[in-house]
Amino acid sequence: MTPSRLARAIMHLAVRRPPRGREDWALAMTREFEAAEHNHLSWALGCLGATATWRLRTDAIYLITLLIVPVLLENLGVMISFSWHRSIPRDTLVTVLTAEALVWPFLASVVLSAYRPHNLILTVAAVALIPLFAMDVIASFMFGEPITVFWWLNPKATLYMAPPLVGLAALLGVCHFGAMLGASIGRRRTHTV
């Protein structure tokens, strides 16, 4: 890829979807880029940095929520499970745990995607993977074992009473379905406002 084509690709990425209220700035950046005779790459990188800063300021609450909510919901589910484990039969508990393990990520995906409907991939990845790895990190510290022992390299590890990749695929599917539902709610909400 030539430097000119790379600069155009970076510029396109920078001004693709500017935050609300910054559309005129993005248009001005694009016009300056087109008018510049040289240093296209440095201009494009500067514009990408500026729009990334805008995006971080605009999406700070979403990003913080994206990191915190899945872990909180996972821990809430674990606390509920531990409080129930003595009062219900084991077979029923396994069914409840399996259902609960998919309900919390589904709800988190719906809520986060309704709040930010254009960030489906980020929402699905964060809601599905952050709690999974957070629990592995916690278990790693508690038991003094490397993190890989608990899930990735352990052939006996299970996720939702399924082989690891099947459980992960189910979790990603549930989160994706929830994110699509939340995004449709969010888009409908923004069109009516």
N, C-alpha and C. Protein backbone atom coordinates (compact mmCIF):
# COMPACT_ATOMS: atom_id res chain seq x y z
N MET A 1 0.86 -1.17 0.00
CA MET A 1 0.00 0.00 0.00
C MET A 1 0.90 1.24 0.00
N THR A 2 0.60 2.15 -0.88
CA THR A 2 1.39 3.38 -0.97
C THR A 2 1.05 4.31 0.18
N PRO A 3 1.97 5.23 0.53
CA PRO A 3 1.66 6.18 1.62
C PRO A 3 0.40 7.01 1.35
N SER A 4 0.15 7.33 0.09
CA SER A 4 -1.05 8.12 -0.24
C SER A 4 -2.33 7.32 0.03
N ARG A 5 -2.32 6.05 -0.38
CA ARG A 5 -3.50 5.21 -0.14
C ARG A 5 -3.69 4.94 1.35
N LEU A 6 -2.58 4.74 2.07
CA LEU A 6 -2.65 4.55 3.51
C LEU A 6 -3.22 5.79 4.19
N ALA A 7 -2.77 6.97 3.76
CA ALA A 7 -3.28 8.22 4.32
C ALA A 7 -4.77 8.37 4.06
N ARG A 8 -5.22 8.01 2.86
CA ARG A 8 -6.66 8.10 2.55
C ARG A 8 -7.47 7.12 3.40
N ALA A 9 -6.95 5.92 3.60
CA ALA A 9 -7.65 4.93 4.43
C ALA A 9 -7.74 5.41 5.88
N ILE A 10 -6.67 5.98 6.40
CA ILE A 10 -6.66 6.50 7.77
C ILE A 10 -7.63 7.67 7.88
N MET A 11 -7.63 8.54 6.88
CA MET A 11 -8.53 9.70 6.90
C MET A 11 -9.98 9.25 6.85
N HIS A 12 -10.26 8.26 6.03
CA HIS A 12 -11.63 7.73 5.95
C HIS A 12 -12.06 7.16 7.31
N LEU A 13 -11.16 6.44 7.95
CA LEU A 13 -11.46 5.90 9.27
C LEU A 13 -11.69 7.02 10.29
N ALA A 14 -10.89 8.07 10.18
CA ALA A 14 -10.98 9.18 11.15
C ALA A 14 -12.31 9.92 11.08
N VAL A 15 -12.82 10.12 9.88
CA VAL A 15 -14.04 10.95 9.73
C VAL A 15 -15.28 10.13 9.41
N ARG A 16 -15.19 8.83 9.52
CA ARG A 16 -16.30 7.96 9.13
C ARG A 16 -17.59 8.25 9.90
N ARG A 17 -17.55 8.25 11.20
CA ARG A 17 -18.74 8.53 12.01
C ARG A 17 -18.35 9.44 13.16
N PRO A 18 -18.26 10.73 12.91
CA PRO A 18 -17.86 11.63 14.00
C PRO A 18 -18.97 11.72 15.06
N PRO A 19 -18.59 12.03 16.29
CA PRO A 19 -19.60 12.21 17.33
C PRO A 19 -20.55 13.35 16.97
N ARG A 20 -21.73 13.31 17.55
CA ARG A 20 -22.73 14.34 17.31
C ARG A 20 -22.16 15.71 17.69
N GLY A 21 -22.34 16.67 16.80
CA GLY A 21 -21.83 18.02 17.04
C GLY A 21 -20.43 18.25 16.46
N ARG A 22 -19.79 17.20 15.98
CA ARG A 22 -18.44 17.32 15.41
C ARG A 22 -18.43 17.06 13.91
N GLU A 23 -19.59 16.99 13.29
CA GLU A 23 -19.67 16.70 11.87
C GLU A 23 -18.99 17.78 11.03
N ASP A 24 -19.18 19.06 11.41
CA ASP A 24 -18.56 20.15 10.66
C ASP A 24 -17.03 20.10 10.76
N TRP A 25 -16.53 19.74 11.94
CA TRP A 25 -15.09 19.61 12.12
C TRP A 25 -14.55 18.48 11.25
N ALA A 26 -15.26 17.39 11.17
CA ALA A 26 -14.82 16.26 10.35
C ALA A 26 -14.80 16.65 8.88
N LEU A 27 -15.81 17.39 8.45
CA LEU A 27 -15.86 17.86 7.06
C LEU A 27 -14.69 18.81 6.78
N ALA A 28 -14.41 19.71 7.72
CA ALA A 28 -13.28 20.63 7.55
C ALA A 28 -11.95 19.88 7.48
N MET A 29 -11.80 18.85 8.31
CA MET A 29 -10.58 18.03 8.26
C MET A 29 -10.42 17.37 6.89
N THR A 30 -11.52 16.86 6.37
CA THR A 30 -11.48 16.20 5.06
C THR A 30 -11.09 17.18 3.98
N ARG A 31 -11.64 18.37 4.01
CA ARG A 31 -11.31 19.39 2.99
C ARG A 31 -9.85 19.83 3.10
N GLU A 32 -9.35 19.98 4.32
CA GLU A 32 -7.94 20.33 4.52
C GLU A 32 -7.04 19.22 3.99
N PHE A 33 -7.44 17.98 4.23
CA PHE A 33 -6.67 16.84 3.74
C PHE A 33 -6.59 16.86 2.22
N GLU A 34 -7.73 17.11 1.58
CA GLU A 34 -7.75 17.15 0.12
C GLU A 34 -6.96 18.33 -0.44
N ALA A 35 -6.95 19.44 0.29
CA ALA A 35 -6.25 20.64 -0.18
C ALA A 35 -4.74 20.61 0.07
N ALA A 36 -4.30 19.79 1.00
CA ALA A 36 -2.87 19.73 1.34
C ALA A 36 -2.07 19.18 0.16
N GLU A 37 -0.88 19.77 -0.04
CA GLU A 37 -0.03 19.33 -1.15
C GLU A 37 0.91 18.20 -0.73
N HIS A 38 1.25 18.12 0.54
CA HIS A 38 2.15 17.08 1.02
C HIS A 38 1.84 16.80 2.49
N ASN A 39 2.52 15.84 3.07
CA ASN A 39 2.30 15.42 4.45
C ASN A 39 0.89 14.88 4.69
N HIS A 40 0.36 14.21 3.69
CA HIS A 40 -0.98 13.63 3.84
C HIS A 40 -1.05 12.65 5.01
N LEU A 41 -0.01 11.82 5.15
CA LEU A 41 -0.03 10.79 6.19
C LEU A 41 -0.02 11.41 7.59
N SER A 42 0.82 12.42 7.78
CA SER A 42 0.85 13.05 9.11
C SER A 42 -0.46 13.77 9.41
N TRP A 43 -1.07 14.38 8.40
CA TRP A 43 -2.36 15.05 8.60
C TRP A 43 -3.44 14.02 8.96
N ALA A 44 -3.44 12.91 8.24
CA ALA A 44 -4.44 11.88 8.49
C ALA A 44 -4.26 11.29 9.89
N LEU A 45 -3.03 11.05 10.30
CA LEU A 45 -2.79 10.52 11.65
C LEU A 45 -3.21 11.53 12.72
N GLY A 46 -2.96 12.82 12.47
CA GLY A 46 -3.41 13.86 13.40
C GLY A 46 -4.92 13.90 13.51
N CYS A 47 -5.60 13.76 12.38
CA CYS A 47 -7.07 13.74 12.38
C CYS A 47 -7.60 12.51 13.11
N LEU A 48 -6.95 11.38 12.90
CA LEU A 48 -7.36 10.16 13.59
C LEU A 48 -7.19 10.33 15.11
N GLY A 49 -6.11 10.94 15.53
CA GLY A 49 -5.90 11.21 16.96
C GLY A 49 -6.96 12.14 17.52
N ALA A 50 -7.31 13.18 16.75
CA ALA A 50 -8.33 14.13 17.21
C ALA A 50 -9.69 13.45 17.33
N THR A 51 -10.07 12.67 16.33
CA THR A 51 -11.38 12.02 16.39
C THR A 51 -11.42 10.92 17.46
N ALA A 52 -10.26 10.27 17.70
CA ALA A 52 -10.21 9.28 18.79
C ALA A 52 -10.43 9.96 20.14
N THR A 53 -9.86 11.16 20.31
CA THR A 53 -10.06 11.93 21.54
C THR A 53 -11.53 12.33 21.68
N TRP A 54 -12.14 12.78 20.58
CA TRP A 54 -13.56 13.12 20.64
C TRP A 54 -14.38 11.90 21.06
N ARG A 55 -14.05 10.77 20.43
CA ARG A 55 -14.81 9.54 20.69
C ARG A 55 -14.66 9.11 22.15
N LEU A 56 -13.45 9.20 22.68
CA LEU A 56 -13.23 8.83 24.09
C LEU A 56 -14.03 9.74 25.02
N ARG A 57 -14.05 11.02 24.72
CA ARG A 57 -14.83 11.95 25.56
C ARG A 57 -16.32 11.66 25.45
N THR A 58 -16.78 11.38 24.25
CA THR A 58 -18.20 11.12 24.03
C THR A 58 -18.63 9.78 24.63
N ASP A 59 -17.77 8.77 24.49
CA ASP A 59 -18.14 7.41 24.90
C ASP A 59 -17.53 6.99 26.22
N ALA A 60 -17.03 7.91 27.02
CA ALA A 60 -16.38 7.54 28.28
C ALA A 60 -17.31 6.75 29.19
N ILE A 61 -18.54 7.21 29.33
CA ILE A 61 -19.50 6.52 30.20
C ILE A 61 -19.80 5.13 29.65
N TYR A 62 -19.96 5.02 28.34
CA TYR A 62 -20.23 3.72 27.72
C TYR A 62 -19.06 2.77 27.95
N LEU A 63 -17.83 3.24 27.74
CA LEU A 63 -16.66 2.37 27.89
C LEU A 63 -16.48 1.91 29.34
N ILE A 64 -16.69 2.82 30.28
CA ILE A 64 -16.59 2.44 31.70
C ILE A 64 -17.68 1.43 32.04
N THR A 65 -18.89 1.70 31.57
CA THR A 65 -20.00 0.78 31.80
C THR A 65 -19.72 -0.57 31.16
N LEU A 66 -19.13 -0.55 29.98
CA LEU A 66 -18.81 -1.78 29.27
C LEU A 66 -17.83 -2.64 30.04
N LEU A 67 -16.93 -2.02 30.77
CA LEU A 67 -15.96 -2.77 31.57
C LEU A 67 -16.54 -3.25 32.89
N ILE A 68 -17.44 -2.48 33.48
CA ILE A 68 -17.92 -2.77 34.83
C ILE A 68 -19.16 -3.66 34.85
N VAL A 69 -20.15 -3.36 34.01
CA VAL A 69 -21.44 -4.07 34.06
C VAL A 69 -21.33 -5.57 33.87
N PRO A 70 -20.59 -6.08 32.87
CA PRO A 70 -20.53 -7.54 32.74
C PRO A 70 -19.93 -8.22 33.97
N VAL A 71 -18.90 -7.63 34.55
CA VAL A 71 -18.27 -8.24 35.73
C VAL A 71 -19.23 -8.19 36.92
N LEU A 72 -19.94 -7.07 37.10
CA LEU A 72 -20.91 -6.98 38.19
C LEU A 72 -22.03 -7.99 38.03
N LEU A 73 -22.54 -8.12 36.82
CA LEU A 73 -23.62 -9.08 36.58
C LEU A 73 -23.15 -10.51 36.80
N GLU A 74 -21.93 -10.80 36.36
CA GLU A 74 -21.38 -12.14 36.58
C GLU A 74 -21.26 -12.43 38.08
N ASN A 75 -20.75 -11.46 38.83
CA ASN A 75 -20.61 -11.65 40.28
C ASN A 75 -21.96 -11.73 40.96
N LEU A 76 -22.95 -10.97 40.49
CA LEU A 76 -24.30 -11.06 41.03
C LEU A 76 -24.85 -12.47 40.80
N GLY A 77 -24.63 -12.99 39.60
CA GLY A 77 -25.08 -14.35 39.31
C GLY A 77 -24.40 -15.38 40.19
N VAL A 78 -23.10 -15.21 40.43
CA VAL A 78 -22.37 -16.13 41.30
C VAL A 78 -22.91 -16.05 42.72
N MET A 79 -23.17 -14.84 43.22
CA MET A 79 -23.69 -14.69 44.58
C MET A 79 -25.08 -15.33 44.71
N ILE A 80 -25.93 -15.14 43.72
CA ILE A 80 -27.26 -15.75 43.75
C ILE A 80 -27.13 -17.27 43.73
N SER A 81 -26.23 -17.77 42.88
CA SER A 81 -26.03 -19.22 42.79
C SER A 81 -25.57 -19.80 44.11
N PHE A 82 -24.61 -19.16 44.77
CA PHE A 82 -24.12 -19.66 46.06
C PHE A 82 -25.19 -19.59 47.14
N SER A 83 -26.06 -18.57 47.07
CA SER A 83 -27.10 -18.48 48.09
C SER A 83 -28.17 -19.55 47.89
N TRP A 84 -28.34 -20.02 46.66
CA TRP A 84 -29.36 -21.03 46.38
C TRP A 84 -28.84 -22.45 46.51
N HIS A 85 -27.52 -22.65 46.49
CA HIS A 85 -27.00 -24.00 46.29
C HIS A 85 -27.36 -24.98 47.41
N ARG A 86 -27.70 -24.52 48.59
CA ARG A 86 -28.07 -25.44 49.67
C ARG A 86 -29.58 -25.71 49.70
N SER A 87 -30.36 -24.83 49.11
CA SER A 87 -31.80 -24.95 49.26
C SER A 87 -32.51 -25.66 48.10
N ILE A 88 -31.81 -25.92 47.00
CA ILE A 88 -32.47 -26.62 45.89
C ILE A 88 -31.64 -27.84 45.48
N PRO A 89 -32.29 -28.84 44.88
CA PRO A 89 -31.58 -30.06 44.48
C PRO A 89 -30.48 -29.75 43.44
N ARG A 90 -29.47 -30.62 43.41
CA ARG A 90 -28.31 -30.40 42.55
C ARG A 90 -28.69 -30.31 41.08
N ASP A 91 -29.56 -31.20 40.59
CA ASP A 91 -29.95 -31.18 39.18
C ASP A 91 -30.65 -29.87 38.83
N THR A 92 -31.50 -29.42 39.71
CA THR A 92 -32.18 -28.14 39.50
C THR A 92 -31.18 -27.00 39.53
N LEU A 93 -30.21 -27.08 40.43
CA LEU A 93 -29.19 -26.05 40.53
C LEU A 93 -28.38 -25.95 39.24
N VAL A 94 -28.00 -27.09 38.66
CA VAL A 94 -27.25 -27.08 37.40
C VAL A 94 -28.06 -26.41 36.30
N THR A 95 -29.36 -26.71 36.24
CA THR A 95 -30.23 -26.08 35.24
C THR A 95 -30.32 -24.58 35.47
N VAL A 96 -30.49 -24.18 36.73
CA VAL A 96 -30.58 -22.76 37.07
C VAL A 96 -29.27 -22.05 36.73
N LEU A 97 -28.14 -22.66 37.08
CA LEU A 97 -26.85 -22.03 36.80
C LEU A 97 -26.61 -21.88 35.31
N THR A 98 -26.99 -22.88 34.55
CA THR A 98 -26.81 -22.80 33.09
C THR A 98 -27.68 -21.70 32.52
N ALA A 99 -28.94 -21.63 32.93
CA ALA A 99 -29.84 -20.58 32.44
C ALA A 99 -29.37 -19.20 32.91
N GLU A 100 -28.99 -19.11 34.18
CA GLU A 100 -28.54 -17.83 34.74
C GLU A 100 -27.27 -17.36 34.06
N ALA A 101 -26.40 -18.29 33.67
CA ALA A 101 -25.14 -17.92 33.04
C ALA A 101 -25.36 -17.33 31.65
N LEU A 102 -26.50 -17.57 31.05
CA LEU A 102 -26.82 -16.97 29.76
C LEU A 102 -27.76 -15.78 29.88
N VAL A 103 -28.53 -15.71 30.96
CA VAL A 103 -29.47 -14.60 31.13
C VAL A 103 -28.74 -13.29 31.40
N TRP A 104 -27.76 -13.30 32.32
CA TRP A 104 -27.07 -12.05 32.64
C TRP A 104 -26.34 -11.45 31.44
N PRO A 105 -25.59 -12.23 30.67
CA PRO A 105 -24.95 -11.64 29.48
C PRO A 105 -25.96 -11.14 28.46
N PHE A 106 -27.08 -11.87 28.32
CA PHE A 106 -28.12 -11.42 27.40
C PHE A 106 -28.65 -10.05 27.82
N LEU A 107 -28.99 -9.91 29.10
CA LEU A 107 -29.52 -8.63 29.59
C LEU A 107 -28.50 -7.51 29.47
N ALA A 108 -27.24 -7.80 29.79
CA ALA A 108 -26.19 -6.78 29.66
C ALA A 108 -26.04 -6.36 28.20
N SER A 109 -26.11 -7.30 27.27
CA SER A 109 -26.00 -6.97 25.85
C SER A 109 -27.16 -6.11 25.38
N VAL A 110 -28.36 -6.43 25.84
CA VAL A 110 -29.53 -5.62 25.46
C VAL A 110 -29.38 -4.19 25.96
N VAL A 111 -29.05 -4.04 27.23
CA VAL A 111 -28.97 -2.71 27.84
C VAL A 111 -27.85 -1.88 27.20
N LEU A 112 -26.66 -2.45 27.06
CA LEU A 112 -25.53 -1.70 26.52
C LEU A 112 -25.73 -1.35 25.05
N SER A 113 -26.35 -2.25 24.28
CA SER A 113 -26.59 -1.96 22.87
C SER A 113 -27.74 -0.98 22.68
N ALA A 114 -28.69 -0.96 23.59
CA ALA A 114 -29.74 0.05 23.52
C ALA A 114 -29.15 1.43 23.79
N TYR A 115 -28.16 1.48 24.67
CA TYR A 115 -27.49 2.75 25.00
C TYR A 115 -26.59 3.22 23.85
N ARG A 116 -25.83 2.31 23.25
CA ARG A 116 -24.96 2.63 22.11
C ARG A 116 -25.21 1.61 21.00
N PRO A 117 -26.22 1.86 20.15
CA PRO A 117 -26.63 0.86 19.15
C PRO A 117 -25.62 0.61 18.04
N HIS A 118 -24.64 1.47 17.85
CA HIS A 118 -23.70 1.29 16.74
C HIS A 118 -22.42 0.55 17.13
N ASN A 119 -22.35 0.06 18.36
CA ASN A 119 -21.14 -0.62 18.83
C ASN A 119 -21.39 -2.09 19.13
N LEU A 120 -22.05 -2.79 18.21
CA LEU A 120 -22.44 -4.18 18.46
C LEU A 120 -21.26 -5.10 18.72
N ILE A 121 -20.26 -5.04 17.88
CA ILE A 121 -19.13 -5.98 18.01
C ILE A 121 -18.41 -5.76 19.33
N LEU A 122 -18.17 -4.50 19.68
CA LEU A 122 -17.49 -4.20 20.94
C LEU A 122 -18.33 -4.66 22.13
N THR A 123 -19.63 -4.43 22.07
CA THR A 123 -20.52 -4.84 23.17
C THR A 123 -20.52 -6.36 23.33
N VAL A 124 -20.68 -7.08 22.23
CA VAL A 124 -20.72 -8.55 22.30
C VAL A 124 -19.41 -9.10 22.84
N ALA A 125 -18.30 -8.59 22.33
CA ALA A 125 -16.99 -9.09 22.78
C ALA A 125 -16.77 -8.80 24.26
N ALA A 126 -17.10 -7.60 24.69
CA ALA A 126 -16.86 -7.23 26.09
C ALA A 126 -17.77 -8.01 27.03
N VAL A 127 -19.05 -8.09 26.70
CA VAL A 127 -20.00 -8.77 27.60
C VAL A 127 -19.70 -10.27 27.67
N ALA A 128 -19.27 -10.85 26.57
CA ALA A 128 -18.99 -12.29 26.57
C ALA A 128 -17.63 -12.62 27.18
N LEU A 129 -16.63 -11.83 26.88
CA LEU A 129 -15.27 -12.23 27.22
C LEU A 129 -14.73 -11.63 28.52
N ILE A 130 -15.13 -10.40 28.86
CA ILE A 130 -14.58 -9.78 30.07
C ILE A 130 -14.91 -10.60 31.32
N PRO A 131 -16.17 -11.01 31.55
CA PRO A 131 -16.43 -11.81 32.75
C PRO A 131 -15.71 -13.16 32.72
N LEU A 132 -15.62 -13.76 31.55
CA LEU A 132 -14.95 -15.04 31.42
C LEU A 132 -13.49 -14.93 31.87
N PHE A 133 -12.80 -13.93 31.37
CA PHE A 133 -11.40 -13.76 31.73
C PHE A 133 -11.24 -13.21 33.14
N ALA A 134 -12.18 -12.38 33.58
CA ALA A 134 -12.10 -11.86 34.95
C ALA A 134 -12.19 -13.00 35.95
N MET A 135 -13.10 -13.93 35.72
CA MET A 135 -13.23 -15.07 36.63
C MET A 135 -11.98 -15.95 36.57
N ASP A 136 -11.39 -16.11 35.38
CA ASP A 136 -10.15 -16.89 35.27
C ASP A 136 -9.00 -16.22 36.00
N VAL A 137 -8.92 -14.89 35.92
CA VAL A 137 -7.85 -14.16 36.61
C VAL A 137 -8.03 -14.30 38.13
N ILE A 138 -9.26 -14.15 38.60
CA ILE A 138 -9.54 -14.29 40.03
C ILE A 138 -9.18 -15.69 40.51
N ALA A 139 -9.60 -16.71 39.75
CA ALA A 139 -9.29 -18.09 40.12
C ALA A 139 -7.78 -18.33 40.09
N SER A 140 -7.09 -17.71 39.13
CA SER A 140 -5.65 -17.86 39.05
C SER A 140 -4.96 -17.32 40.30
N PHE A 141 -5.40 -16.16 40.76
CA PHE A 141 -4.82 -15.58 41.98
C PHE A 141 -5.19 -16.40 43.22
N MET A 142 -6.43 -16.89 43.27
CA MET A 142 -6.88 -17.64 44.44
C MET A 142 -6.13 -18.96 44.59
N PHE A 143 -5.89 -19.65 43.47
CA PHE A 143 -5.31 -20.97 43.53
C PHE A 143 -3.82 -21.00 43.19
N GLY A 144 -3.26 -19.85 42.81
CA GLY A 144 -1.84 -19.78 42.50
C GLY A 144 -1.43 -20.55 41.26
N GLU A 145 -2.33 -20.73 40.33
CA GLU A 145 -2.06 -21.44 39.09
C GLU A 145 -2.02 -20.43 37.94
N PRO A 146 -1.35 -20.79 36.85
CA PRO A 146 -1.40 -19.90 35.68
C PRO A 146 -2.83 -19.82 35.14
N ILE A 147 -3.15 -18.71 34.52
CA ILE A 147 -4.52 -18.49 34.03
C ILE A 147 -4.92 -19.54 32.99
N THR A 148 -3.96 -20.06 32.25
CA THR A 148 -4.28 -21.03 31.19
C THR A 148 -4.81 -22.34 31.73
N VAL A 149 -4.52 -22.64 32.96
CA VAL A 149 -4.98 -23.91 33.55
C VAL A 149 -6.49 -23.94 33.64
N PHE A 150 -7.10 -22.78 33.87
CA PHE A 150 -8.52 -22.76 34.19
C PHE A 150 -9.44 -22.88 32.97
N TRP A 151 -8.98 -22.46 31.79
CA TRP A 151 -9.91 -22.56 30.67
C TRP A 151 -9.23 -22.91 29.36
N TRP A 152 -8.36 -22.07 28.89
CA TRP A 152 -7.88 -22.18 27.51
C TRP A 152 -7.17 -23.49 27.21
N LEU A 153 -6.28 -23.92 28.07
CA LEU A 153 -5.48 -25.10 27.75
C LEU A 153 -5.93 -26.34 28.52
N ASN A 154 -7.00 -26.27 29.24
CA ASN A 154 -7.47 -27.40 30.03
C ASN A 154 -8.56 -28.14 29.27
N PRO A 155 -8.29 -29.34 28.76
CA PRO A 155 -9.31 -30.03 27.98
C PRO A 155 -10.51 -30.47 28.82
N LYS A 156 -10.36 -30.50 30.14
CA LYS A 156 -11.48 -30.89 30.99
C LYS A 156 -12.34 -29.70 31.40
N ALA A 157 -11.89 -28.49 31.08
CA ALA A 157 -12.65 -27.30 31.48
C ALA A 157 -13.96 -27.25 30.72
N THR A 158 -15.00 -26.82 31.41
CA THR A 158 -16.30 -26.69 30.75
C THR A 158 -16.84 -25.30 31.00
N LEU A 159 -17.64 -24.85 30.11
CA LEU A 159 -18.32 -23.57 30.21
C LEU A 159 -19.79 -23.84 29.98
N TYR A 160 -20.59 -23.67 30.98
CA TYR A 160 -22.03 -23.93 30.90
C TYR A 160 -22.31 -25.39 30.56
N MET A 161 -21.57 -26.28 31.20
CA MET A 161 -21.74 -27.72 31.06
C MET A 161 -21.57 -28.19 29.62
N ALA A 162 -20.71 -27.52 28.87
CA ALA A 162 -20.43 -27.88 27.48
C ALA A 162 -18.92 -27.83 27.26
N PRO A 163 -18.44 -28.45 26.18
CA PRO A 163 -17.03 -28.26 25.87
C PRO A 163 -16.73 -26.77 25.72
N PRO A 164 -15.50 -26.34 26.01
CA PRO A 164 -15.20 -24.91 26.04
C PRO A 164 -15.62 -24.13 24.79
N LEU A 165 -15.30 -24.62 23.61
CA LEU A 165 -15.62 -23.85 22.41
C LEU A 165 -17.12 -23.82 22.14
N VAL A 166 -17.82 -24.88 22.47
CA VAL A 166 -19.28 -24.90 22.30
C VAL A 166 -19.93 -23.90 23.26
N GLY A 167 -19.46 -23.90 24.52
CA GLY A 167 -19.99 -22.96 25.50
C GLY A 167 -19.69 -21.52 25.11
N LEU A 168 -18.48 -21.26 24.62
CA LEU A 168 -18.12 -19.91 24.19
C LEU A 168 -18.96 -19.47 23.00
N ALA A 169 -19.19 -20.39 22.05
CA ALA A 169 -20.03 -20.08 20.89
C ALA A 169 -21.46 -19.77 21.33
N ALA A 170 -21.97 -20.55 22.29
CA ALA A 170 -23.33 -20.29 22.80
C ALA A 170 -23.38 -18.92 23.48
N LEU A 171 -22.38 -18.61 24.27
CA LEU A 171 -22.34 -17.32 24.96
C LEU A 171 -22.27 -16.17 23.96
N LEU A 172 -21.41 -16.29 22.96
CA LEU A 172 -21.30 -15.24 21.93
C LEU A 172 -22.61 -15.10 21.16
N GLY A 173 -23.27 -16.22 20.87
CA GLY A 173 -24.55 -16.17 20.17
C GLY A 173 -25.63 -15.47 20.98
N VAL A 174 -25.71 -15.81 22.27
CA VAL A 174 -26.69 -15.17 23.14
C VAL A 174 -26.41 -13.67 23.25
N CYS A 175 -25.15 -13.32 23.42
CA CYS A 175 -24.78 -11.89 23.51
C CYS A 175 -25.07 -11.16 22.21
N HIS A 176 -24.82 -11.83 21.08
CA HIS A 176 -25.10 -11.20 19.79
C HIS A 176 -26.59 -10.98 19.60
N PHE A 177 -27.39 -11.96 19.96
CA PHE A 177 -28.85 -11.82 19.86
C PHE A 177 -29.32 -10.67 20.76
N GLY A 178 -28.82 -10.62 21.99
CA GLY A 178 -29.18 -9.53 22.91
C GLY A 178 -28.73 -8.18 22.39
N ALA A 179 -27.54 -8.12 21.80
CA ALA A 179 -27.03 -6.86 21.27
C ALA A 179 -27.86 -6.39 20.08
N MET A 180 -28.28 -7.32 19.23
CA MET A 180 -29.13 -6.94 18.09
C MET A 180 -30.47 -6.40 18.58
N LEU A 181 -31.05 -7.06 19.58
CA LEU A 181 -32.32 -6.61 20.15
C LEU A 181 -32.15 -5.23 20.77
N GLY A 182 -31.10 -5.05 21.57
CA GLY A 182 -30.84 -3.76 22.19
C GLY A 182 -30.58 -2.67 21.17
N ALA A 183 -29.84 -3.00 20.10
CA ALA A 183 -29.56 -2.01 19.06
C ALA A 183 -30.83 -1.57 18.35
N SER A 184 -31.74 -2.51 18.10
CA SER A 184 -33.00 -2.12 17.45
C SER A 184 -33.82 -1.22 18.37
N ILE A 185 -33.79 -1.50 19.67
CA ILE A 185 -34.48 -0.62 20.63
C ILE A 185 -33.82 0.75 20.65
N GLY A 186 -32.49 0.77 20.67
CA GLY A 186 -31.76 2.03 20.69
C GLY A 186 -31.97 2.87 19.44
N ARG A 187 -31.99 2.22 18.28
CA ARG A 187 -32.21 2.96 17.03
C ARG A 187 -33.63 3.50 16.96
N ARG A 188 -34.59 2.71 17.44
CA ARG A 188 -35.97 3.17 17.46
C ARG A 188 -36.11 4.37 18.40
N ARG A 189 -35.39 4.32 19.52
CA ARG A 189 -35.43 5.40 20.50
C ARG A 189 -34.83 6.68 19.90
N THR A 190 -33.71 6.57 19.16
CA THR A 190 -33.08 7.77 18.59
C THR A 190 -33.89 8.34 17.44
N HIS A 191 -34.65 7.49 16.72
CA HIS A 191 -35.48 8.00 15.62
C HIS A 191 -36.71 8.73 16.14
N THR A 192 -37.20 8.35 17.31
CA THR A 192 -38.40 9.01 17.83
C THR A 192 -38.06 10.28 18.59
N VAL A 193 -36.79 10.43 19.01
CA VAL A 193 -36.41 11.63 19.77
C VAL A 193 -36.18 12.78 18.85
